Amino acid sequence: MFRTITSSFVSFLLAMSLLHSVNAQATMLFSSNLVEIHSITTEGNNINAHPVQNADETALGQLFASIRINSDVEEKIIYLMSESDAAKLAKQVVISLRRLQPEQDMHLVIYRSVGGFLTTKRFSTGIRMFANDVGLNLIFGQLDTFQNEFRGPGRKLAHPGSRSNTRIKGGSLVAADWFKFHTGRKDWMIYPIVTTPSLKLRMKPEQPRTND
């Protein structure tokens, strides 16, 4: 009887320890119908330039609005998200970048809805994001993949990309001259977050009004 109780207690402690470890590695920072933002542990011994205090919200909005993908679902090139959704996302990304620690990456899941009221389908894209001395890094993993609406504990998020190898599936990124790919990779884009964004990006900053 004592051995049974002891064994059960040890199993309980191990389960709690594992749960604590998982929670320590992944924490939800924000969630909406448009996006989910989680903090996750970096791969290997990589250390990031986090927290980021100087990210430009307008520049990030232009970035997300300008990303184009060759979607296997659509079988054509599309924008990852609309301009209005990109502006909303940028605000939350800026807030989340301030909360990340050097040993943490961001797991960003972006949702895209298509169809009418009764026929709506949602697709999701998973991105690993982090900042370092060269800029903001976005590594794409699961790209524009059908997402079940059910948000139970067993729901799988679109997986992010990886520093170690290419894991992109569901399509490809469309190259542009306003960002650069990491050497030898077509799933890993690098974007400067401090410098003034290129005028070739999709969203343009509003011009100040002048008095007539």
Protein backbone atom coordinates (compact mmCIF):
# COMPACT_ATOMS: atom_id res chain seq x y z
CA MET A 1 0.00 0.00 0.00
CA PHE A 2 2.82 2.39 0.93
CA ARG A 3 4.66 1.59 -2.30
CA THR A 4 1.52 2.31 -4.33
CA ILE A 5 1.02 5.68 -2.62
CA THR A 6 4.70 6.54 -3.02
CA SER A 7 4.67 5.55 -6.69
CA SER A 8 1.55 7.62 -7.33
CA PHE A 9 3.06 10.61 -5.53
CA VAL A 10 6.28 10.37 -7.56
CA SER A 11 4.25 10.13 -10.78
CA PHE A 12 2.29 13.22 -9.72
CA LEU A 13 5.49 15.16 -9.05
CA LEU A 14 6.93 14.14 -12.42
CA ALA A 15 3.74 15.17 -14.20
CA MET A 16 3.72 18.55 -12.43
CA SER A 17 7.39 19.03 -13.24
CA LEU A 18 6.74 18.29 -16.92
CA LEU A 19 3.76 20.67 -16.95
CA HIS A 20 5.87 23.41 -15.39
CA SER A 21 8.59 22.80 -17.96
CA VAL A 22 6.12 23.09 -20.85
CA ASN A 23 4.61 26.26 -19.41
CA ALA A 24 8.07 27.73 -18.93
CA GLN A 25 8.85 27.11 -22.60
CA ALA A 26 5.60 28.34 -24.16
CA THR A 27 3.40 31.17 -22.91
CA MET A 28 0.53 32.80 -24.76
CA LEU A 29 1.06 36.55 -25.05
CA PHE A 30 -1.97 37.44 -27.17
CA SER A 31 -4.88 35.74 -28.93
CA SER A 32 -7.62 36.88 -31.31
CA ASN A 33 -9.42 35.62 -34.42
CA LEU A 34 -6.60 37.14 -36.44
CA VAL A 35 -3.50 35.98 -34.63
CA GLU A 36 -1.98 34.07 -31.74
CA ILE A 37 1.34 35.12 -30.23
CA HIS A 38 3.31 32.77 -27.98
CA SER A 39 6.74 33.00 -26.42
CA ILE A 40 8.84 29.86 -26.92
CA THR A 41 12.34 28.85 -25.91
CA THR A 42 15.04 29.52 -28.48
CA GLU A 43 16.63 26.60 -30.28
CA GLY A 44 20.04 25.54 -29.03
CA ASN A 45 21.97 28.18 -27.14
CA ASN A 46 20.90 31.13 -29.28
CA ILE A 47 20.49 34.45 -27.49
CA ASN A 48 18.37 37.19 -29.04
CA ALA A 49 18.41 40.98 -28.77
CA HIS A 50 15.30 40.91 -26.59
CA PRO A 51 13.40 42.73 -25.25
CA VAL A 52 13.00 45.04 -28.24
CA GLN A 53 12.05 48.56 -27.17
CA ASN A 54 12.44 50.47 -30.45
CA ALA A 55 10.37 48.49 -32.98
CA ASP A 56 8.48 50.79 -35.33
CA GLU A 57 4.79 49.86 -35.44
CA THR A 58 4.25 51.48 -38.83
CA ALA A 59 7.23 49.66 -40.33
CA LEU A 60 6.01 46.32 -38.96
CA GLY A 61 2.55 46.96 -40.36
CA GLN A 62 4.07 47.60 -43.76
CA LEU A 63 6.13 44.43 -43.43
CA PHE A 64 3.19 42.14 -42.70
CA ALA A 65 1.01 43.82 -45.34
CA SER A 66 3.70 43.33 -47.98
CA ILE A 67 4.56 39.65 -47.46
CA ARG A 68 3.41 37.59 -50.43
CA ILE A 69 3.20 33.82 -50.53
CA ASN A 70 2.72 31.25 -53.26
CA SER A 71 -0.08 29.30 -51.58
CA ASP A 72 -0.65 25.64 -52.37
CA VAL A 73 -4.29 26.14 -51.29
CA GLU A 74 -4.95 29.03 -53.68
CA GLU A 75 -2.50 27.75 -56.31
CA LYS A 76 -1.45 31.34 -56.90
CA ILE A 77 0.44 34.22 -55.30
CA ILE A 78 -1.49 36.05 -52.57
CA TYR A 79 -0.76 38.52 -49.81
CA LEU A 80 -0.36 36.90 -46.39
CA MET A 81 -2.88 39.35 -44.92
CA SER A 82 -4.83 42.54 -45.60
CA GLU A 83 -3.48 45.99 -44.85
CA SER A 84 -5.99 46.62 -42.05
CA ASP A 85 -5.22 43.25 -40.42
CA ALA A 86 -1.48 43.92 -40.75
CA ALA A 87 -1.84 47.19 -38.85
CA LYS A 88 -3.69 45.42 -36.02
CA LEU A 89 -1.10 42.64 -35.91
CA ALA A 90 1.82 45.10 -35.82
CA LYS A 91 0.49 46.71 -32.65
CA GLN A 92 0.42 43.40 -30.79
CA VAL A 93 3.81 42.30 -32.14
CA VAL A 94 5.41 45.52 -30.86
CA ILE A 95 3.93 44.91 -27.40
CA SER A 96 5.04 41.27 -27.40
CA LEU A 97 8.59 42.09 -28.52
CA ARG A 98 8.93 44.22 -25.39
CA ARG A 99 8.01 41.23 -23.24
CA LEU A 100 10.36 38.65 -24.75
CA GLN A 101 13.58 37.70 -22.98
CA PRO A 102 16.93 36.99 -24.70
CA GLU A 103 16.38 33.21 -24.49
CA GLN A 104 12.91 33.41 -26.05
CA ASP A 105 11.60 33.42 -29.62
CA MET A 106 8.11 34.44 -30.70
CA HIS A 107 5.77 31.83 -32.21
CA LEU A 108 3.40 33.83 -34.38
CA VAL A 109 0.30 32.16 -35.87
CA ILE A 110 -1.57 34.21 -38.46
CA TYR A 111 -5.10 33.22 -39.54
CA ARG A 112 -6.70 33.87 -42.92
CA SER A 113 -10.42 33.36 -43.54
CA VAL A 114 -12.01 32.70 -46.93
CA GLY A 115 -15.57 32.03 -48.02
CA GLY A 116 -18.99 33.27 -46.99
CA PHE A 117 -20.78 33.22 -43.64
CA LEU A 118 -21.79 29.55 -43.80
CA THR A 119 -18.83 28.36 -45.84
CA THR A 120 -15.96 30.14 -44.10
CA LYS A 121 -12.70 28.24 -43.88
CA ARG A 122 -9.68 29.34 -41.90
CA PHE A 123 -6.06 28.83 -42.85
CA SER A 124 -3.07 29.42 -40.62
CA THR A 125 0.60 30.24 -41.04
CA GLY A 126 3.22 29.59 -38.36
CA ILE A 127 6.28 31.83 -38.02
CA ARG A 128 9.27 31.82 -35.67
CA MET A 129 10.27 35.42 -35.03
CA PHE A 130 13.20 36.96 -33.17
CA ALA A 131 15.39 40.04 -33.27
CA ASN A 132 19.18 40.11 -33.47
CA ASP A 133 21.89 42.49 -34.64
CA VAL A 134 20.86 42.17 -38.31
CA GLY A 135 17.17 42.88 -37.81
CA LEU A 136 13.90 41.04 -37.37
CA ASN A 137 14.05 37.40 -38.41
CA LEU A 138 10.96 35.55 -39.62
CA ILE A 139 11.30 31.80 -40.25
CA PHE A 140 8.22 30.30 -41.85
CA GLY A 141 7.03 26.78 -41.09
CA GLN A 142 3.49 25.61 -41.78
CA LEU A 143 2.19 27.92 -44.50
CA ASP A 144 -1.46 28.68 -45.32
CA THR A 145 -2.78 25.35 -44.01
CA PHE A 146 -6.40 24.52 -43.17
CA GLN A 147 -7.10 25.16 -39.48
CA ASN A 148 -9.86 23.39 -37.58
CA GLU A 149 -12.13 25.91 -35.84
CA PHE A 150 -12.22 23.87 -32.63
CA ARG A 151 -9.97 25.51 -30.06
CA GLY A 152 -9.70 22.73 -27.53
CA PRO A 153 -6.52 21.80 -25.60
CA GLY A 154 -5.61 19.24 -28.26
CA ARG A 155 -5.69 21.74 -31.11
CA LYS A 156 -2.43 21.91 -33.01
CA LEU A 157 -1.02 25.30 -33.89
CA ALA A 158 0.65 25.89 -37.22
CA HIS A 159 4.25 24.98 -36.46
CA PRO A 160 6.95 27.66 -36.76
CA GLY A 161 10.12 27.43 -38.80
CA SER A 162 13.50 26.39 -37.45
CA ARG A 163 17.01 27.84 -37.45
CA SER A 164 18.55 24.42 -38.02
CA ASN A 165 16.72 23.32 -41.18
CA THR A 166 13.95 24.22 -43.60
CA ARG A 167 10.50 23.08 -42.46
CA ILE A 168 8.27 25.18 -44.69
CA LYS A 169 5.26 23.36 -46.15
CA GLY A 170 2.07 24.48 -47.85
CA GLY A 171 3.70 26.92 -50.23
CA SER A 172 6.64 29.28 -50.56
CA LEU A 173 7.64 32.89 -49.95
CA VAL A 174 7.83 35.36 -52.80
CA ALA A 175 11.14 37.22 -52.90
CA ALA A 176 11.17 41.04 -52.82
CA ASP A 177 13.87 43.70 -52.78
CA TRP A 178 12.73 45.20 -49.45
CA PHE A 179 13.95 42.19 -47.43
CA LYS A 180 16.71 39.63 -47.76
CA PHE A 181 16.78 35.88 -47.28
CA HIS A 182 19.13 34.29 -44.78
CA THR A 183 22.05 32.71 -46.62
CA GLY A 184 21.04 29.41 -48.19
CA ARG A 185 17.41 29.65 -47.04
CA LYS A 186 14.14 30.55 -48.81
CA ASP A 187 11.96 30.21 -45.70
CA TRP A 188 13.89 32.70 -43.55
CA MET A 189 13.49 36.42 -44.19
CA ILE A 190 15.40 39.22 -42.46
CA TYR A 191 13.91 42.69 -42.17
CA PRO A 192 15.42 45.82 -40.54
CA ILE A 193 13.11 47.05 -37.78
CA VAL A 194 14.88 50.28 -36.88
CA THR A 195 15.61 51.87 -40.24
CA THR A 196 13.03 53.72 -42.32
CA PRO A 197 10.96 51.23 -44.36
CA SER A 198 11.29 51.17 -48.13
CA LEU A 199 8.74 53.12 -50.16
CA LYS A 200 8.21 49.98 -52.23
CA LEU A 201 6.31 48.34 -49.40
CA ARG A 202 2.57 47.90 -49.79
CA MET A 203 1.29 50.25 -47.07
CA LYS A 204 2.26 53.88 -47.31
CA PRO A 205 2.46 56.18 -44.27
CA GLU A 206 -0.27 58.79 -44.07
CA GLN A 207 0.79 62.23 -45.26
CA PRO A 208 0.24 65.12 -42.83
CA ARG A 209 -2.64 67.37 -43.76
CA THR A 210 -1.93 70.98 -44.69
CA ASN A 211 -4.18 73.93 -44.04
CA ASP A 212 -5.56 75.47 -47.22
